[in-house]
C-alpha atoms as a PDB file:
ATOM      1  CA  MET A   1       2.391   0.309 -58.806  1.00  0.00           C
ATOM      2  CA  ILE A   2       5.533   0.307 -60.888  1.00  0.00           C
ATOM      3  CA  GLN A   3       8.783   0.558 -58.960  1.00  0.00           C
ATOM      4  CA  ILE A   4      11.334   2.836 -60.607  1.00  0.00           C
ATOM      5  CA  GLU A   5      14.909   2.524 -59.434  1.00  0.00           C
ATOM      6  CA  ALA A   6      16.604   5.823 -58.531  1.00  0.00           C
ATOM      7  CA  GLU A   7      19.056   5.853 -61.453  1.00  0.00           C
ATOM      8  CA  ALA A   8      16.312   5.153 -64.005  1.00  0.00           C
ATOM      9  CA  LEU A   9      14.085   7.835 -62.465  1.00  0.00           C
ATOM     10  CA  GLN A  10      16.870  10.423 -62.631  1.00  0.00           C
ATOM     11  CA  GLN A  11      17.614   9.555 -66.266  1.00  0.00           C
ATOM     12  CA  LEU A  12      13.954   9.811 -67.250  1.00  0.00           C
ATOM     13  CA  LEU A  13      13.459  13.123 -65.429  1.00  0.00           C
ATOM     14  CA  LEU A  14      16.574  14.518 -67.149  1.00  0.00           C
ATOM     15  CA  LEU A  15      15.310  13.364 -70.551  1.00  0.00           C
ATOM     16  CA  ARG A  16      11.905  14.907 -69.808  1.00  0.00           C
ATOM     17  CA  ARG A  17      13.481  18.280 -68.997  1.00  0.00           C
ATOM     18  CA  GLN A  18      15.418  18.190 -72.283  1.00  0.00           C
ATOM     19  CA  LEU A  19      12.300  17.790 -74.443  1.00  0.00           C
ATOM     20  CA  ALA A  20      11.517  20.892 -76.474  1.00  0.00           C
ATOM     21  CA  ALA A  21       7.849  20.054 -77.089  1.00  0.00           C
ATOM     22  CA  PRO A  22       5.132  19.899 -74.409  1.00  0.00           C
ATOM     23  CA  CYS A  23       4.851  16.476 -72.826  1.00  0.00           C
ATOM     24  CA  ALA A  24       1.899  14.852 -71.061  1.00  0.00           C
ATOM     25  CA  GLY A  25       3.994  11.927 -69.850  1.00  0.00           C
ATOM     26  CA  LEU A  26       5.853   8.746 -70.618  1.00  0.00           C
ATOM     27  CA  ARG A  27       3.629   6.203 -72.376  1.00  0.00           C
ATOM     28  CA  LEU A  28       4.123   2.500 -71.692  1.00  0.00           C
ATOM     29  CA  TRP A  29       2.933   0.120 -74.414  1.00  0.00           C
ATOM     30  CA  LEU A  30       2.515  -3.613 -73.897  1.00  0.00           C
ATOM     31  CA  GLU A  31       2.566  -6.053 -76.778  1.00  0.00           C
ATOM     32  CA  GLY A  32       2.326  -9.829 -76.645  1.00  0.00           C
ATOM     33  CA  ASP A  33       0.887 -12.031 -73.917  1.00  0.00           C
ATOM     34  CA  ALA A  34       1.919 -14.003 -70.853  1.00  0.00           C
ATOM     35  CA  CYS A  35       2.402 -17.214 -72.827  1.00  0.00           C
ATOM     36  CA  GLN A  36       4.519 -15.825 -75.667  1.00  0.00           C
ATOM     37  CA  GLY A  37       6.160 -13.074 -73.622  1.00  0.00           C
ATOM     38  CA  TRP A  38       5.621  -9.351 -73.268  1.00  0.00           C
ATOM     39  CA  ARG A  39       7.406  -6.492 -74.949  1.00  0.00           C
ATOM     40  CA  VAL A  40       7.185  -3.091 -73.268  1.00  0.00           C
ATOM     41  CA  SER A  41       7.876   0.073 -75.258  1.00  0.00           C
ATOM     42  CA  LEU A  42       8.320   3.575 -73.875  1.00  0.00           C
ATOM     43  CA  GLU A  43       7.657   6.871 -75.654  1.00  0.00           C
ATOM     44  CA  TRP A  44       7.136  10.463 -74.631  1.00  0.00           C
ATOM     45  CA  SER A  45       3.623  11.643 -75.434  1.00  0.00           C
ATOM     46  CA  ALA A  46       2.385  15.162 -76.075  1.00  0.00           C
ATOM     47  CA  ALA A  47      -1.154  14.266 -75.007  1.00  0.00           C
ATOM     48  CA  GLN A  48      -2.937  11.748 -72.859  1.00  0.00           C
ATOM     49  CA  ARG A  49      -5.358   9.518 -74.752  1.00  0.00           C
ATOM     50  CA  GLU A  50      -8.926   8.929 -73.632  1.00  0.00           C
ATOM     51  CA  GLU A  51      -8.320   5.206 -72.989  1.00  0.00           C
ATOM     52  CA  GLU A  52      -5.256   5.857 -70.818  1.00  0.00           C
ATOM     53  CA  TYR A  53      -4.828   6.101 -67.077  1.00  0.00           C
ATOM     54  CA  ARG A  54      -2.268   8.519 -65.665  1.00  0.00           C
ATOM     55  CA  VAL A  55      -0.029   7.852 -62.658  1.00  0.00           C
ATOM     56  CA  GLU A  56       2.488  10.298 -61.207  1.00  0.00           C
ATOM     57  CA  TYR A  57       5.617   8.795 -59.690  1.00  0.00           C
ATOM     58  CA  GLN A  58       7.976  11.237 -57.958  1.00  0.00           C
ATOM     59  CA  GLY A  59       7.557  13.893 -60.637  1.00  0.00           C
ATOM     60  CA  LEU A  60       7.393  11.487 -63.579  1.00  0.00           C
ATOM     61  CA  VAL A  61       4.008  11.010 -65.262  1.00  0.00           C
ATOM     62  CA  LEU A  62       3.344   7.518 -66.590  1.00  0.00           C
ATOM     63  CA  LEU A  63       0.586   6.838 -69.128  1.00  0.00           C
ATOM     64  CA  ALA A  64      -0.764   3.428 -70.120  1.00  0.00           C
ATOM     65  CA  ALA A  65      -3.980   1.988 -71.461  1.00  0.00           C
ATOM     66  CA  VAL A  66      -6.379   1.105 -68.661  1.00  0.00           C
ATOM     67  CA  THR A  67      -6.265  -2.516 -69.833  1.00  0.00           C
ATOM     68  CA  HIS A  68      -2.436  -2.619 -69.517  1.00  0.00           C
ATOM     69  CA  TRP A  69      -2.164  -1.401 -65.905  1.00  0.00           C
ATOM     70  CA  PRO A  70      -2.947  -4.798 -64.323  1.00  0.00           C
ATOM     71  CA  TYR A  71       0.068  -6.284 -66.161  1.00  0.00           C
ATOM     72  CA  LEU A  72       2.296  -3.377 -65.112  1.00  0.00           C
ATOM     73  CA  GLN A  73       1.511  -3.725 -61.400  1.00  0.00           C
ATOM     74  CA  GLY A  74       4.616  -4.797 -59.529  1.00  0.00           C
ATOM     75  CA  ALA A  75       6.903  -4.133 -62.517  1.00  0.00           C
ATOM     76  CA  THR A  76      10.373  -2.694 -61.958  1.00  0.00           C
ATOM     77  CA  LEU A  77      11.983  -0.113 -64.240  1.00  0.00           C
ATOM     78  CA  ALA A  78      15.778  -0.063 -64.004  1.00  0.00           C
ATOM     79  CA  ALA A  79      18.699   1.529 -65.852  1.00  0.00           C
ATOM     80  CA  GLY A  80      21.884  -0.260 -66.739  1.00  0.00           C
ATOM     81  CA  ALA A  81      23.362  -2.850 -69.047  1.00  0.00           C
ATOM     82  CA  ARG A  82      21.792  -6.202 -69.782  1.00  0.00           C
ATOM     83  CA  ASP A  83      23.468  -8.696 -72.095  1.00  0.00           C
ATOM     84  CA  GLY A  84      25.990  -5.963 -72.933  1.00  0.00           C
ATOM     85  CA  GLU A  85      23.282  -3.500 -74.025  1.00  0.00           C
ATOM     86  CA  PRO A  86      22.842  -0.276 -72.019  1.00  0.00           C
ATOM     87  CA  GLY A  87      19.348   1.075 -71.592  1.00  0.00           C
ATOM     88  CA  LEU A  88      16.195   1.144 -69.515  1.00  0.00           C
ATOM     89  CA  TRP A  89      14.705  -2.207 -68.611  1.00  0.00           C
ATOM     90  CA  ILE A  90      11.241  -3.129 -67.398  1.00  0.00           C
ATOM     91  CA  ASP A  91      10.818  -6.416 -65.583  1.00  0.00           C
ATOM     92  CA  LEU A  92       7.216  -7.536 -65.322  1.00  0.00           C
ATOM     93  CA  GLN A  93       5.998  -9.840 -62.577  1.00  0.00           C
ATOM     94  CA  ALA A  94       5.251 -13.338 -63.759  1.00  0.00           C
ATOM     95  CA  SER A  95       1.596 -14.082 -64.263  1.00  0.00           C
ATOM     96  CA  ALA A  96      -0.306 -17.285 -63.614  1.00  0.00           C
ATOM     97  CA  CYS A  97      -0.430 -18.832 -67.031  1.00  0.00           C
ATOM     98  CA  GLN A  98      -1.441 -22.258 -68.258  1.00  0.00           C
ATOM     99  CA  CYS A  99      -0.245 -21.889 -71.818  1.00  0.00           C
ATOM    100  CA  ASP A 100      -1.169 -25.472 -72.698  1.00  0.00           C
ATOM    101  CA  HIS A 101      -4.790 -24.496 -72.061  1.00  0.00           C
ATOM    102  CA  GLN A 102      -4.353 -20.969 -73.439  1.00  0.00           C
ATOM    103  CA  THR A 103      -5.597 -19.374 -70.244  1.00  0.00           C
ATOM    104  CA  CYS A 104      -3.663 -16.643 -68.514  1.00  0.00           C
ATOM    105  CA  ALA A 105      -4.422 -14.448 -65.531  1.00  0.00           C
ATOM    106  CA  SER A 106      -2.476 -11.454 -64.363  1.00  0.00           C
END
């Protein structure tokens, strides 16, 4: 399960309440791989997609593709500044990767 720090959770719940349009949840997108690095994007979604799994976390609904959930397990979502940039940050757990052999396991 994803761990969401209290400040990040409060910010996301506040943003959710401010949305004018109906919202099914916060979608998490993963791009990249364990060898090259992951990039996680967040977006509010009006509808859940067929290939997505839904998780509720203290009033916040998270949506992600079924295939992405194994990589999101153990991730931490935090709010604050990093390298001078304020925002929300997702730290993924390191995976077992042998990039020289191009084999990675979550």
